[in-house]
PDB file of all heavy atoms in Angstrom:
ATOM      1  N   ILE A   1      -6.516  -7.331  -5.550  1.00  0.00           N
ATOM      2  CA  ILE A   1      -5.947  -7.145  -6.860  1.00  0.00           C
ATOM      3  C   ILE A   1      -6.653  -5.999  -7.708  1.00  0.00           C
ATOM      4  O   ILE A   1      -5.994  -5.188  -8.369  1.00  0.00           O
ATOM      5  CB  ILE A   1      -6.069  -8.524  -7.669  1.00  0.00           C
ATOM      6  CG1 ILE A   1      -5.184  -9.576  -7.041  1.00  0.00           C
ATOM      7  CG2 ILE A   1      -5.681  -8.317  -9.180  1.00  0.00           C
ATOM      8  CD1 ILE A   1      -5.359 -10.847  -7.657  1.00  0.00           C
ATOM      9  N   ARG A   2      -7.894  -5.975  -7.514  1.00  0.00           N
ATOM     10  CA  ARG A   2      -8.613  -4.830  -8.254  1.00  0.00           C
ATOM     11  C   ARG A   2      -8.256  -3.475  -7.803  1.00  0.00           C
ATOM     12  O   ARG A   2      -8.107  -2.609  -8.628  1.00  0.00           O
ATOM     13  CB  ARG A   2     -10.192  -4.980  -7.907  1.00  0.00           C
ATOM     14  CG  ARG A   2     -11.016  -3.932  -8.632  1.00  0.00           C
ATOM     15  CD  ARG A   2     -12.398  -4.234  -8.488  1.00  0.00           C
ATOM     16  NE  ARG A   2     -12.954  -5.412  -9.098  1.00  0.00           N
ATOM     17  CZ  ARG A   2     -14.130  -5.900  -9.101  1.00  0.00           C
ATOM     18  NH1 ARG A   2     -15.106  -5.309  -8.578  1.00  0.00           N
ATOM     19  NH2 ARG A   2     -14.470  -6.964  -9.934  1.00  0.00           N
ATOM     20  N   HIS A   3      -7.987  -3.330  -6.481  1.00  0.00           N
ATOM     21  CA  HIS A   3      -7.484  -2.002  -6.089  1.00  0.00           C
ATOM     22  C   HIS A   3      -6.063  -1.671  -6.657  1.00  0.00           C
ATOM     23  O   HIS A   3      -6.006  -0.487  -7.098  1.00  0.00           O
ATOM     24  CB  HIS A   3      -7.368  -1.980  -4.409  1.00  0.00           C
ATOM     25  CG  HIS A   3      -8.758  -1.825  -3.829  1.00  0.00           C
ATOM     26  ND1 HIS A   3      -9.006  -2.556  -2.701  1.00  0.00           N
ATOM     27  CD2 HIS A   3      -9.798  -1.077  -4.047  1.00  0.00           C
ATOM     28  CE1 HIS A   3     -10.219  -2.238  -2.257  1.00  0.00           C
ATOM     29  NE2 HIS A   3     -10.654  -1.284  -3.099  1.00  0.00           N
ATOM     30  N   VAL A   4      -5.141  -2.649  -6.621  1.00  0.00           N
ATOM     31  CA  VAL A   4      -3.844  -2.350  -7.013  1.00  0.00           C
ATOM     32  C   VAL A   4      -3.849  -2.115  -8.557  1.00  0.00           C
ATOM     33  O   VAL A   4      -3.247  -1.138  -9.107  1.00  0.00           O
ATOM     34  CB  VAL A   4      -2.957  -3.500  -6.803  1.00  0.00           C
ATOM     35  CG1 VAL A   4      -1.597  -3.347  -7.418  1.00  0.00           C
ATOM     36  CG2 VAL A   4      -2.794  -3.783  -5.316  1.00  0.00           C
ATOM     37  N   THR A   5      -4.816  -2.831  -9.317  1.00  0.00           N
ATOM     38  CA  THR A   5      -4.902  -2.637 -10.775  1.00  0.00           C
ATOM     39  C   THR A   5      -5.376  -1.234 -11.002  1.00  0.00           C
ATOM     40  O   THR A   5      -4.991  -0.437 -11.964  1.00  0.00           O
ATOM     41  CB  THR A   5      -5.826  -3.607 -11.271  1.00  0.00           C
ATOM     42  OG1 THR A   5      -5.302  -4.989 -11.171  1.00  0.00           O
ATOM     43  CG2 THR A   5      -6.003  -3.426 -12.862  1.00  0.00           C
ATOM     44  N   GLY A   6      -6.365  -0.787 -10.166  1.00  0.00           N
ATOM     45  CA  GLY A   6      -6.918   0.531 -10.305  1.00  0.00           C
ATOM     46  C   GLY A   6      -5.871   1.607 -10.132  1.00  0.00           C
ATOM     47  O   GLY A   6      -5.894   2.689 -10.835  1.00  0.00           O
ATOM     48  N   TRP A   7      -5.040   1.432  -9.152  1.00  0.00           N
ATOM     49  CA  TRP A   7      -4.032   2.451  -8.832  1.00  0.00           C
ATOM     50  C   TRP A   7      -3.010   2.456  -9.976  1.00  0.00           C
ATOM     51  O   TRP A   7      -2.591   3.604 -10.338  1.00  0.00           O
ATOM     52  CB  TRP A   7      -3.287   2.036  -7.525  1.00  0.00           C
ATOM     53  CG  TRP A   7      -4.205   2.152  -6.331  1.00  0.00           C
ATOM     54  CD1 TRP A   7      -5.397   2.738  -6.151  1.00  0.00           C
ATOM     55  CD2 TRP A   7      -3.948   1.347  -5.088  1.00  0.00           C
ATOM     56  NE1 TRP A   7      -5.885   2.465  -4.904  1.00  0.00           N
ATOM     57  CE2 TRP A   7      -5.072   1.708  -4.242  1.00  0.00           C
ATOM     58  CE3 TRP A   7      -2.915   0.536  -4.597  1.00  0.00           C
ATOM     59  CZ2 TRP A   7      -5.054   1.182  -2.928  1.00  0.00           C
ATOM     60  CZ3 TRP A   7      -3.042   0.082  -3.340  1.00  0.00           C
ATOM     61  CH2 TRP A   7      -4.142   0.333  -2.571  1.00  0.00           C
ATOM     62  N   ILE A   8      -2.786   1.342 -10.583  1.00  0.00           N
ATOM     63  CA  ILE A   8      -1.807   1.348 -11.596  1.00  0.00           C
ATOM     64  C   ILE A   8      -2.356   2.060 -12.887  1.00  0.00           C
ATOM     65  O   ILE A   8      -1.719   2.724 -13.650  1.00  0.00           O
ATOM     66  CB  ILE A   8      -1.362  -0.045 -12.065  1.00  0.00           C
ATOM     67  CG1 ILE A   8      -0.514  -0.664 -10.882  1.00  0.00           C
ATOM     68  CG2 ILE A   8      -0.439  -0.063 -13.285  1.00  0.00           C
ATOM     69  CD1 ILE A   8      -0.024  -2.052 -10.965  1.00  0.00           C
ATOM     70  N   MET A   9      -3.594   1.700 -13.190  1.00  0.00           N
ATOM     71  CA  MET A   9      -4.214   2.327 -14.401  1.00  0.00           C
ATOM     72  C   MET A   9      -4.582   3.807 -14.210  1.00  0.00           C
ATOM     73  O   MET A   9      -4.777   4.462 -15.316  1.00  0.00           O
ATOM     74  CB  MET A   9      -5.463   1.512 -14.770  1.00  0.00           C
ATOM     75  CG  MET A   9      -5.172   0.033 -14.999  1.00  0.00           C
ATOM     76  SD  MET A   9      -4.256  -0.267 -16.527  1.00  0.00           S
ATOM     77  CE  MET A   9      -5.440   0.317 -17.696  1.00  0.00           C
ATOM     78  N   ARG A  10      -4.666   4.246 -13.037  1.00  0.00           N
ATOM     79  CA  ARG A  10      -5.234   5.565 -12.867  1.00  0.00           C
ATOM     80  C   ARG A  10      -3.964   6.703 -12.991  1.00  0.00           C
ATOM     81  O   ARG A  10      -2.831   6.295 -12.884  1.00  0.00           O
ATOM     82  CB  ARG A  10      -5.741   5.744 -11.472  1.00  0.00           C
ATOM     83  CG  ARG A  10      -6.628   6.957 -11.202  1.00  0.00           C
ATOM     84  CD  ARG A  10      -7.207   6.903  -9.901  1.00  0.00           C
ATOM     85  NE  ARG A  10      -7.845   5.691  -9.563  1.00  0.00           N
ATOM     86  CZ  ARG A  10      -8.120   5.209  -8.313  1.00  0.00           C
ATOM     87  NH1 ARG A  10      -7.840   5.916  -7.266  1.00  0.00           N
ATOM     88  NH2 ARG A  10      -8.738   4.095  -8.127  1.00  0.00           N
ATOM     89  N   ASN A  11      -4.401   7.795 -13.395  1.00  0.00           N
ATOM     90  CA  ASN A  11      -3.380   8.898 -13.462  1.00  0.00           C
ATOM     91  C   ASN A  11      -2.726   9.081 -12.112  1.00  0.00           C
ATOM     92  O   ASN A  11      -3.569   9.366 -11.199  1.00  0.00           O
ATOM     93  CB  ASN A  11      -4.083  10.177 -14.029  1.00  0.00           C
ATOM     94  CG  ASN A  11      -3.006  11.244 -14.305  1.00  0.00           C
ATOM     95  OD1 ASN A  11      -1.954  11.208 -13.635  1.00  0.00           O
ATOM     96  ND2 ASN A  11      -3.359  12.175 -15.248  1.00  0.00           N
ATOM     97  N   PRO A  12      -1.445   9.141 -11.962  1.00  0.00           N
ATOM     98  CA  PRO A  12      -0.872   9.275 -10.614  1.00  0.00           C
ATOM     99  C   PRO A  12      -1.363  10.589  -9.907  1.00  0.00           C
ATOM    100  O   PRO A  12      -1.407  10.711  -8.637  1.00  0.00           O
ATOM    101  CB  PRO A  12       0.739   9.389 -10.854  1.00  0.00           C
ATOM    102  CG  PRO A  12       0.775   8.515 -12.232  1.00  0.00           C
ATOM    103  CD  PRO A  12      -0.423   8.751 -12.900  1.00  0.00           C
ATOM    104  N   GLU A  13      -1.630  11.578 -10.664  1.00  0.00           N
ATOM    105  CA  GLU A  13      -2.016  12.863 -10.119  1.00  0.00           C
ATOM    106  C   GLU A  13      -3.450  12.731  -9.513  1.00  0.00           C
ATOM    107  O   GLU A  13      -3.842  13.628  -8.710  1.00  0.00           O
ATOM    108  CB  GLU A  13      -2.098  13.991 -11.197  1.00  0.00           C
ATOM    109  CG  GLU A  13      -0.760  14.252 -11.808  1.00  0.00           C
ATOM    110  CD  GLU A  13      -0.813  15.312 -12.830  1.00  0.00           C
ATOM    111  OE1 GLU A  13      -1.878  15.773 -13.197  1.00  0.00           O
ATOM    112  OE2 GLU A  13       0.267  15.605 -13.509  1.00  0.00           O
ATOM    113  N   ASN A  14      -4.189  11.656  -9.861  1.00  0.00           N
ATOM    114  CA  ASN A  14      -5.598  11.511  -9.277  1.00  0.00           C
ATOM    115  C   ASN A  14      -5.602  10.618  -8.146  1.00  0.00           C
ATOM    116  O   ASN A  14      -6.682  10.369  -7.479  1.00  0.00           O
ATOM    117  CB  ASN A  14      -6.534  11.011 -10.324  1.00  0.00           C
ATOM    118  CG  ASN A  14      -6.719  12.007 -11.518  1.00  0.00           C
ATOM    119  OD1 ASN A  14      -6.528  13.164 -11.265  1.00  0.00           O
ATOM    120  ND2 ASN A  14      -6.934  11.405 -12.698  1.00  0.00           N
ATOM    121  N   LEU A  15      -4.409  10.046  -7.665  1.00  0.00           N
ATOM    122  CA  LEU A  15      -4.374   9.182  -6.495  1.00  0.00           C
ATOM    123  C   LEU A  15      -4.247  10.034  -5.176  1.00  0.00           C
ATOM    124  O   LEU A  15      -3.502  11.029  -5.094  1.00  0.00           O
ATOM    125  CB  LEU A  15      -3.176   8.246  -6.555  1.00  0.00           C
ATOM    126  CG  LEU A  15      -3.143   7.113  -7.484  1.00  0.00           C
ATOM    127  CD1 LEU A  15      -1.865   6.329  -7.627  1.00  0.00           C
ATOM    128  CD2 LEU A  15      -4.260   6.088  -7.271  1.00  0.00           C
ATOM    129  N   ASP A  16      -5.047   9.647  -4.202  1.00  0.00           N
ATOM    130  CA  ASP A  16      -4.887  10.382  -2.868  1.00  0.00           C
ATOM    131  C   ASP A  16      -3.587   9.898  -2.237  1.00  0.00           C
ATOM    132  O   ASP A  16      -2.973   8.976  -2.640  1.00  0.00           O
ATOM    133  CB  ASP A  16      -6.105  10.147  -2.066  1.00  0.00           C
ATOM    134  CG  ASP A  16      -6.367   8.706  -1.685  1.00  0.00           C
ATOM    135  OD1 ASP A  16      -5.434   8.004  -1.497  1.00  0.00           O
ATOM    136  OD2 ASP A  16      -7.613   8.359  -1.655  1.00  0.00           O
ATOM    137  N   ASP A  17      -3.215  10.518  -1.277  1.00  0.00           N
ATOM    138  CA  ASP A  17      -1.928  10.290  -0.553  1.00  0.00           C
ATOM    139  C   ASP A  17      -1.835   8.929   0.066  1.00  0.00           C
ATOM    140  O   ASP A  17      -0.837   8.233  -0.142  1.00  0.00           O
ATOM    141  CB  ASP A  17      -1.706  11.464   0.564  1.00  0.00           C
ATOM    142  CG  ASP A  17      -1.552  12.714   0.069  1.00  0.00           C
ATOM    143  OD1 ASP A  17      -1.210  12.882  -1.105  1.00  0.00           O
ATOM    144  OD2 ASP A  17      -1.748  13.734   0.856  1.00  0.00           O
ATOM    145  N   GLN A  18      -2.901   8.398   0.607  1.00  0.00           N
ATOM    146  CA  GLN A  18      -2.857   7.125   1.177  1.00  0.00           C
ATOM    147  C   GLN A  18      -2.755   5.963   0.070  1.00  0.00           C
ATOM    148  O   GLN A  18      -1.945   5.166   0.286  1.00  0.00           O
ATOM    149  CB  GLN A  18      -4.137   6.874   2.020  1.00  0.00           C
ATOM    150  CG  GLN A  18      -4.211   5.501   2.666  1.00  0.00           C
ATOM    151  CD  GLN A  18      -5.439   5.222   3.523  1.00  0.00           C
ATOM    152  OE1 GLN A  18      -6.345   6.094   3.430  1.00  0.00           O
ATOM    153  NE2 GLN A  18      -5.550   4.185   4.227  1.00  0.00           N
ATOM    154  N   ASP A  19      -3.399   6.110  -0.918  1.00  0.00           N
ATOM    155  CA  ASP A  19      -3.275   5.117  -2.047  1.00  0.00           C
ATOM    156  C   ASP A  19      -1.953   5.234  -2.722  1.00  0.00           C
ATOM    157  O   ASP A  19      -1.449   4.187  -3.123  1.00  0.00           O
ATOM    158  CB  ASP A  19      -4.473   5.421  -3.069  1.00  0.00           C
ATOM    159  CG  ASP A  19      -5.761   5.018  -2.549  1.00  0.00           C
ATOM    160  OD1 ASP A  19      -5.876   4.295  -1.520  1.00  0.00           O
ATOM    161  OD2 ASP A  19      -6.796   5.460  -3.179  1.00  0.00           O
ATOM    162  N   GLU A  20      -1.461   6.436  -2.878  1.00  0.00           N
ATOM    163  CA  GLU A  20      -0.054   6.608  -3.410  1.00  0.00           C
ATOM    164  C   GLU A  20       0.898   5.951  -2.525  1.00  0.00           C
ATOM    165  O   GLU A  20       1.862   5.326  -3.139  1.00  0.00           O
ATOM    166  CB  GLU A  20       0.236   8.017  -3.679  1.00  0.00           C
ATOM    167  CG  GLU A  20       1.515   8.347  -4.247  1.00  0.00           C
ATOM    168  CD  GLU A  20       1.668   7.781  -5.622  1.00  0.00           C
ATOM    169  OE1 GLU A  20       0.646   7.770  -6.389  1.00  0.00           O
ATOM    170  OE2 GLU A  20       2.838   7.324  -5.974  1.00  0.00           O
ATOM    171  N   GLN A  21       0.868   6.203  -1.135  1.00  0.00           N
ATOM    172  CA  GLN A  21       1.805   5.526  -0.243  1.00  0.00           C
ATOM    173  C   GLN A  21       1.671   3.965  -0.318  1.00  0.00           C
ATOM    174  O   GLN A  21       2.804   3.269  -0.424  1.00  0.00           O
ATOM    175  CB  GLN A  21       1.581   5.994   1.052  1.00  0.00           C
ATOM    176  CG  GLN A  21       1.921   7.530   1.364  1.00  0.00           C
ATOM    177  CD  GLN A  21       1.478   7.972   2.715  1.00  0.00           C
ATOM    178  OE1 GLN A  21       1.046   7.243   3.507  1.00  0.00           O
ATOM    179  NE2 GLN A  21       1.644   9.377   2.836  1.00  0.00           N
ATOM    180  N   ARG A  22       0.553   3.419  -0.396  1.00  0.00           N
ATOM    181  CA  ARG A  22       0.418   1.929  -0.378  1.00  0.00           C
ATOM    182  C   ARG A  22       0.942   1.397  -1.720  1.00  0.00           C
ATOM    183  O   ARG A  22       1.496   0.310  -1.738  1.00  0.00           O
ATOM    184  CB  ARG A  22      -1.177   1.659  -0.248  1.00  0.00           C
ATOM    185  CG  ARG A  22      -1.679   2.052   1.082  1.00  0.00           C
ATOM    186  CD  ARG A  22      -3.088   1.593   1.342  1.00  0.00           C
ATOM    187  NE  ARG A  22      -3.171   0.164   1.592  1.00  0.00           N
ATOM    188  CZ  ARG A  22      -4.383  -0.454   1.681  1.00  0.00           C
ATOM    189  NH1 ARG A  22      -5.461   0.221   1.596  1.00  0.00           N
ATOM    190  NH2 ARG A  22      -4.350  -1.742   1.964  1.00  0.00           N
ATOM    191  N   LEU A  23       0.524   2.129  -2.838  1.00  0.00           N
ATOM    192  CA  LEU A  23       1.137   1.637  -4.146  1.00  0.00           C
ATOM    193  C   LEU A  23       2.575   1.651  -4.227  1.00  0.00           C
ATOM    194  O   LEU A  23       3.354   0.721  -4.712  1.00  0.00           O
ATOM    195  CB  LEU A  23       0.556   2.485  -5.258  1.00  0.00           C
ATOM    196  CG  LEU A  23       0.955   2.090  -6.657  1.00  0.00           C
ATOM    197  CD1 LEU A  23       0.579   0.620  -7.007  1.00  0.00           C
ATOM    198  CD2 LEU A  23       0.400   2.990  -7.738  1.00  0.00           C
ATOM    199  N   THR A  24       3.268   2.739  -3.621  1.00  0.00           N
ATOM    200  CA  THR A  24       4.682   2.899  -3.692  1.00  0.00           C
ATOM    201  C   THR A  24       5.360   1.741  -2.841  1.00  0.00           C
ATOM    202  O   THR A  24       6.340   1.257  -3.300  1.00  0.00           O
ATOM    203  CB  THR A  24       5.015   4.243  -3.038  1.00  0.00           C
ATOM    204  OG1 THR A  24       4.512   5.299  -3.860  1.00  0.00           O
ATOM    205  CG2 THR A  24       6.588   4.358  -3.103  1.00  0.00           C
ATOM    206  N   ALA A  25       4.728   1.407  -1.751  1.00  0.00           N
ATOM    207  CA  ALA A  25       5.284   0.232  -0.931  1.00  0.00           C
ATOM    208  C   ALA A  25       5.110  -1.060  -1.728  1.00  0.00           C
ATOM    209  O   ALA A  25       6.136  -1.824  -1.591  1.00  0.00           O
ATOM    210  CB  ALA A  25       4.482   0.237   0.404  1.00  0.00           C
ATOM    211  N   ILE A  26       4.073  -1.299  -2.422  1.00  0.00           N
ATOM    212  CA  ILE A  26       3.836  -2.466  -3.249  1.00  0.00           C
ATOM    213  C   ILE A  26       4.990  -2.574  -4.295  1.00  0.00           C
ATOM    214  O   ILE A  26       5.561  -3.553  -4.511  1.00  0.00           O
ATOM    215  CB  ILE A  26       2.543  -2.640  -3.723  1.00  0.00           C
ATOM    216  CG1 ILE A  26       1.527  -2.796  -2.625  1.00  0.00           C
ATOM    217  CG2 ILE A  26       2.344  -3.755  -4.664  1.00  0.00           C
ATOM    218  CD1 ILE A  26       0.040  -2.707  -3.051  1.00  0.00           C
ATOM    219  N   LEU A  27       5.172  -1.383  -5.057  1.00  0.00           N
ATOM    220  CA  LEU A  27       5.973  -1.392  -6.270  1.00  0.00           C
ATOM    221  C   LEU A  27       7.440  -1.585  -5.690  1.00  0.00           C
ATOM    222  O   LEU A  27       8.180  -2.171  -6.496  1.00  0.00           O
ATOM    223  CB  LEU A  27       5.951  -0.058  -7.058  1.00  0.00           C
ATOM    224  CG  LEU A  27       4.415   0.221  -7.440  1.00  0.00           C
ATOM    225  CD1 LEU A  27       4.514   1.502  -8.339  1.00  0.00           C
ATOM    226  CD2 LEU A  27       4.117  -0.947  -8.487  1.00  0.00           C
ATOM    227  N   ALA A  28       7.725  -1.115  -4.562  1.00  0.00           N
ATOM    228  CA  ALA A  28       9.130  -1.271  -3.972  1.00  0.00           C
ATOM    229  C   ALA A  28       9.511  -2.722  -3.757  1.00  0.00           C
ATOM    230  O   ALA A  28      10.615  -3.101  -3.796  1.00  0.00           O
ATOM    231  CB  ALA A  28       9.369  -0.426  -2.691  1.00  0.00           C
ATOM    232  N   ARG A  29       8.433  -3.583  -3.478  1.00  0.00           N
ATOM    233  CA  ARG A  29       8.705  -4.932  -3.271  1.00  0.00           C
ATOM    234  C   ARG A  29       8.610  -5.842  -4.492  1.00  0.00           C
ATOM    235  O   ARG A  29       8.848  -7.059  -4.479  1.00  0.00           O
ATOM    236  CB  ARG A  29       7.729  -5.373  -2.118  1.00  0.00           C
ATOM    237  CG  ARG A  29       7.798  -4.646  -0.965  1.00  0.00           C
ATOM    238  CD  ARG A  29       6.836  -5.232   0.199  1.00  0.00           C
ATOM    239  NE  ARG A  29       7.094  -6.496   0.537  1.00  0.00           N
ATOM    240  CZ  ARG A  29       6.400  -7.168   1.415  1.00  0.00           C
ATOM    241  NH1 ARG A  29       5.333  -6.603   2.107  1.00  0.00           N
ATOM    242  NH2 ARG A  29       6.549  -8.447   1.761  1.00  0.00           N
ATOM    243  N   CYS A  30       8.150  -5.288  -5.566  1.00  0.00           N
ATOM    244  CA  CYS A  30       7.978  -6.086  -6.900  1.00  0.00           C
ATOM    245  C   CYS A  30       8.484  -5.309  -8.087  1.00  0.00           C
ATOM    246  O   CYS A  30       7.735  -4.491  -8.612  1.00  0.00           O
ATOM    247  CB  CYS A  30       6.474  -6.424  -6.899  1.00  0.00           C
ATOM    248  SG  CYS A  30       6.086  -7.470  -8.384  1.00  0.00           S
ATOM    249  N   PRO A  31       9.704  -5.534  -8.409  1.00  0.00           N
ATOM    250  CA  PRO A  31      10.185  -4.828  -9.598  1.00  0.00           C
ATOM    251  C   PRO A  31       9.333  -4.946 -10.947  1.00  0.00           C
ATOM    252  O   PRO A  31       9.282  -4.065 -11.632  1.00  0.00           O
ATOM    253  CB  PRO A  31      11.721  -5.410  -9.693  1.00  0.00           C
ATOM    254  CG  PRO A  31      11.921  -5.923  -8.477  1.00  0.00           C
ATOM    255  CD  PRO A  31      10.726  -6.443  -7.873  1.00  0.00           C
ATOM    256  N   GLU A  32       8.882  -6.164 -11.045  1.00  0.00           N
ATOM    257  CA  GLU A  32       7.982  -6.467 -12.285  1.00  0.00           C
ATOM    258  C   GLU A  32       6.778  -5.659 -12.268  1.00  0.00           C
ATOM    259  O   GLU A  32       6.386  -5.118 -13.318  1.00  0.00           O
ATOM    260  CB  GLU A  32       7.651  -7.957 -12.311  1.00  0.00           C
ATOM    261  CG  GLU A  32       8.753  -8.875 -12.534  1.00  0.00           C
ATOM    262  CD  GLU A  32       9.583  -9.226 -11.237  1.00  0.00           C
ATOM    263  OE1 GLU A  32       9.092  -8.715 -10.248  1.00  0.00           O
ATOM    264  OE2 GLU A  32      10.517  -9.903 -11.419  1.00  0.00           O
ATOM    265  N   LEU A  33       6.112  -5.411 -11.156  1.00  0.00           N
ATOM    266  CA  LEU A  33       5.084  -4.553 -11.117  1.00  0.00           C
ATOM    267  C   LEU A  33       5.291  -3.091 -11.289  1.00  0.00           C
ATOM    268  O   LEU A  33       4.518  -2.380 -11.957  1.00  0.00           O
ATOM    269  CB  LEU A  33       4.258  -4.735  -9.715  1.00  0.00           C
ATOM    270  CG  LEU A  33       2.855  -4.463  -9.656  1.00  0.00           C
ATOM    271  CD1 LEU A  33       2.037  -5.277 -10.709  1.00  0.00           C
ATOM    272  CD2 LEU A  33       2.192  -4.772  -8.235  1.00  0.00           C
ATOM    273  N   GLU A  34       6.500  -2.688 -10.765  1.00  0.00           N
ATOM    274  CA  GLU A  34       6.928  -1.331 -10.955  1.00  0.00           C
ATOM    275  C   GLU A  34       7.173  -1.077 -12.500  1.00  0.00           C
ATOM    276  O   GLU A  34       6.808  -0.105 -12.959  1.00  0.00           O
ATOM    277  CB  GLU A  34       8.170  -1.108 -10.149  1.00  0.00           C
ATOM    278  CG  GLU A  34       8.579   0.390 -10.034  1.00  0.00           C
ATOM    279  CD  GLU A  34       9.297   0.949 -11.282  1.00  0.00           C
ATOM    280  OE1 GLU A  34      10.019   0.134 -11.926  1.00  0.00           O
ATOM    281  OE2 GLU A  34       9.103   2.100 -11.591  1.00  0.00           O
ATOM    282  N   ALA A  35       7.737  -2.091 -13.178  1.00  0.00           N
ATOM    283  CA  ALA A  35       7.977  -1.889 -14.584  1.00  0.00           C
ATOM    284  C   ALA A  35       6.626  -1.884 -15.323  1.00  0.00           C
ATOM    285  O   ALA A  35       6.438  -1.107 -16.254  1.00  0.00           O
ATOM    286  CB  ALA A  35       8.904  -3.116 -15.047  1.00  0.00           C
ATOM    287  N   THR A  36       5.603  -2.688 -14.967  1.00  0.00           N
ATOM    288  CA  THR A  36       4.424  -2.583 -15.529  1.00  0.00           C
ATOM    289  C   THR A  36       3.738  -1.378 -15.475  1.00  0.00           C
ATOM    290  O   THR A  36       3.160  -0.840 -16.299  1.00  0.00           O
ATOM    291  CB  THR A  36       3.568  -3.795 -14.796  1.00  0.00           C
ATOM    292  OG1 THR A  36       4.005  -5.062 -15.122  1.00  0.00           O
ATOM    293  CG2 THR A  36       2.128  -3.738 -15.517  1.00  0.00           C
ATOM    294  N   ARG A  37       3.881  -0.784 -14.255  1.00  0.00           N
ATOM    295  CA  ARG A  37       3.203   0.577 -13.965  1.00  0.00           C
ATOM    296  C   ARG A  37       3.930   1.637 -14.940  1.00  0.00           C
ATOM    297  O   ARG A  37       3.300   2.502 -15.517  1.00  0.00           O
ATOM    298  CB  ARG A  37       3.346   1.120 -12.459  1.00  0.00           C
ATOM    299  CG  ARG A  37       2.520   2.363 -12.315  1.00  0.00           C
ATOM    300  CD  ARG A  37       2.837   2.976 -11.148  1.00  0.00           C
ATOM    301  NE  ARG A  37       1.851   4.017 -10.817  1.00  0.00           N
ATOM    302  CZ  ARG A  37       2.091   5.014  -9.993  1.00  0.00           C
ATOM    303  NH1 ARG A  37       3.239   5.104  -9.267  1.00  0.00           N
ATOM    304  NH2 ARG A  37       1.253   5.989  -9.630  1.00  0.00           N
ATOM    305  N   ARG A  38       5.111   1.586 -15.046  1.00  0.00           N
ATOM    306  CA  ARG A  38       5.911   2.535 -15.939  1.00  0.00           C
ATOM    307  C   ARG A  38       5.428   2.410 -17.333  1.00  0.00           C
ATOM    308  O   ARG A  38       5.286   3.409 -18.049  1.00  0.00           O
ATOM    309  CB  ARG A  38       7.555   2.359 -15.785  1.00  0.00           C
ATOM    310  CG  ARG A  38       8.313   3.203 -16.533  1.00  0.00           C
ATOM    311  CD  ARG A  38       9.718   3.126 -16.224  1.00  0.00           C
ATOM    312  NE  ARG A  38      10.261   1.770 -16.712  1.00  0.00           N
ATOM    313  CZ  ARG A  38      10.535   0.708 -15.965  1.00  0.00           C
ATOM    314  NH1 ARG A  38      10.332   0.819 -14.707  1.00  0.00           N
ATOM    315  NH2 ARG A  38      10.982  -0.304 -16.433  1.00  0.00           N
ATOM    316  N   HIS A  39       5.429   1.184 -17.945  1.00  0.00           N
ATOM    317  CA  HIS A  39       4.943   0.921 -19.272  1.00  0.00           C
ATOM    318  C   HIS A  39       3.437   1.266 -19.488  1.00  0.00           C
ATOM    319  O   HIS A  39       3.109   1.849 -20.561  1.00  0.00           O
ATOM    320  CB  HIS A  39       5.259  -0.554 -19.676  1.00  0.00           C
ATOM    321  CG  HIS A  39       6.606  -0.927 -19.665  1.00  0.00           C
ATOM    322  ND1 HIS A  39       7.628  -0.093 -20.449  1.00  0.00           N
ATOM    323  CD2 HIS A  39       7.245  -2.051 -19.145  1.00  0.00           C
ATOM    324  CE1 HIS A  39       8.780  -0.839 -20.213  1.00  0.00           C
ATOM    325  NE2 HIS A  39       8.529  -1.944 -19.411  1.00  0.00           N
ATOM    326  N   VAL A  40       2.626   0.879 -18.552  1.00  0.00           N
ATOM    327  CA  VAL A  40       1.231   1.328 -18.681  1.00  0.00           C
ATOM    328  C   VAL A  40       1.047   2.908 -18.701  1.00  0.00           C
ATOM    329  O   VAL A  40       0.257   3.505 -19.466  1.00  0.00           O
ATOM    330  CB  VAL A  40       0.452   0.772 -17.530  1.00  0.00           C
ATOM    331  CG1 VAL A  40      -0.920   1.333 -17.458  1.00  0.00           C
ATOM    332  CG2 VAL A  40       0.404  -0.818 -17.659  1.00  0.00           C
ATOM    333  N   GLY A  41       1.839   3.590 -17.790  1.00  0.00           N
ATOM    334  CA  GLY A  41       1.722   5.009 -17.862  1.00  0.00           C
ATOM    335  C   GLY A  41       2.202   5.603 -19.128  1.00  0.00           C
ATOM    336  O   GLY A  41       1.623   6.624 -19.638  1.00  0.00           O
ATOM    337  N   ALA A  42       3.301   5.138 -19.675  1.00  0.00           N
ATOM    338  CA  ALA A  42       3.856   5.610 -21.027  1.00  0.00           C
ATOM    339  C   ALA A  42       2.798   5.366 -22.132  1.00  0.00           C
ATOM    340  O   ALA A  42       2.685   6.261 -23.038  1.00  0.00           O
ATOM    341  CB  ALA A  42       5.173   4.840 -21.433  1.00  0.00           C
TER     342      ALA A  42
END
């Protein structure tokens, strides 16, 4: 949970390719989490 939270809170430009791919896969399976990342980024 700590890793996923860190990926969501971090600037997407600062994520390495592997973390970005893992986060994308997680967000694709959870619309609520994808919406959370969008609002947090805004």
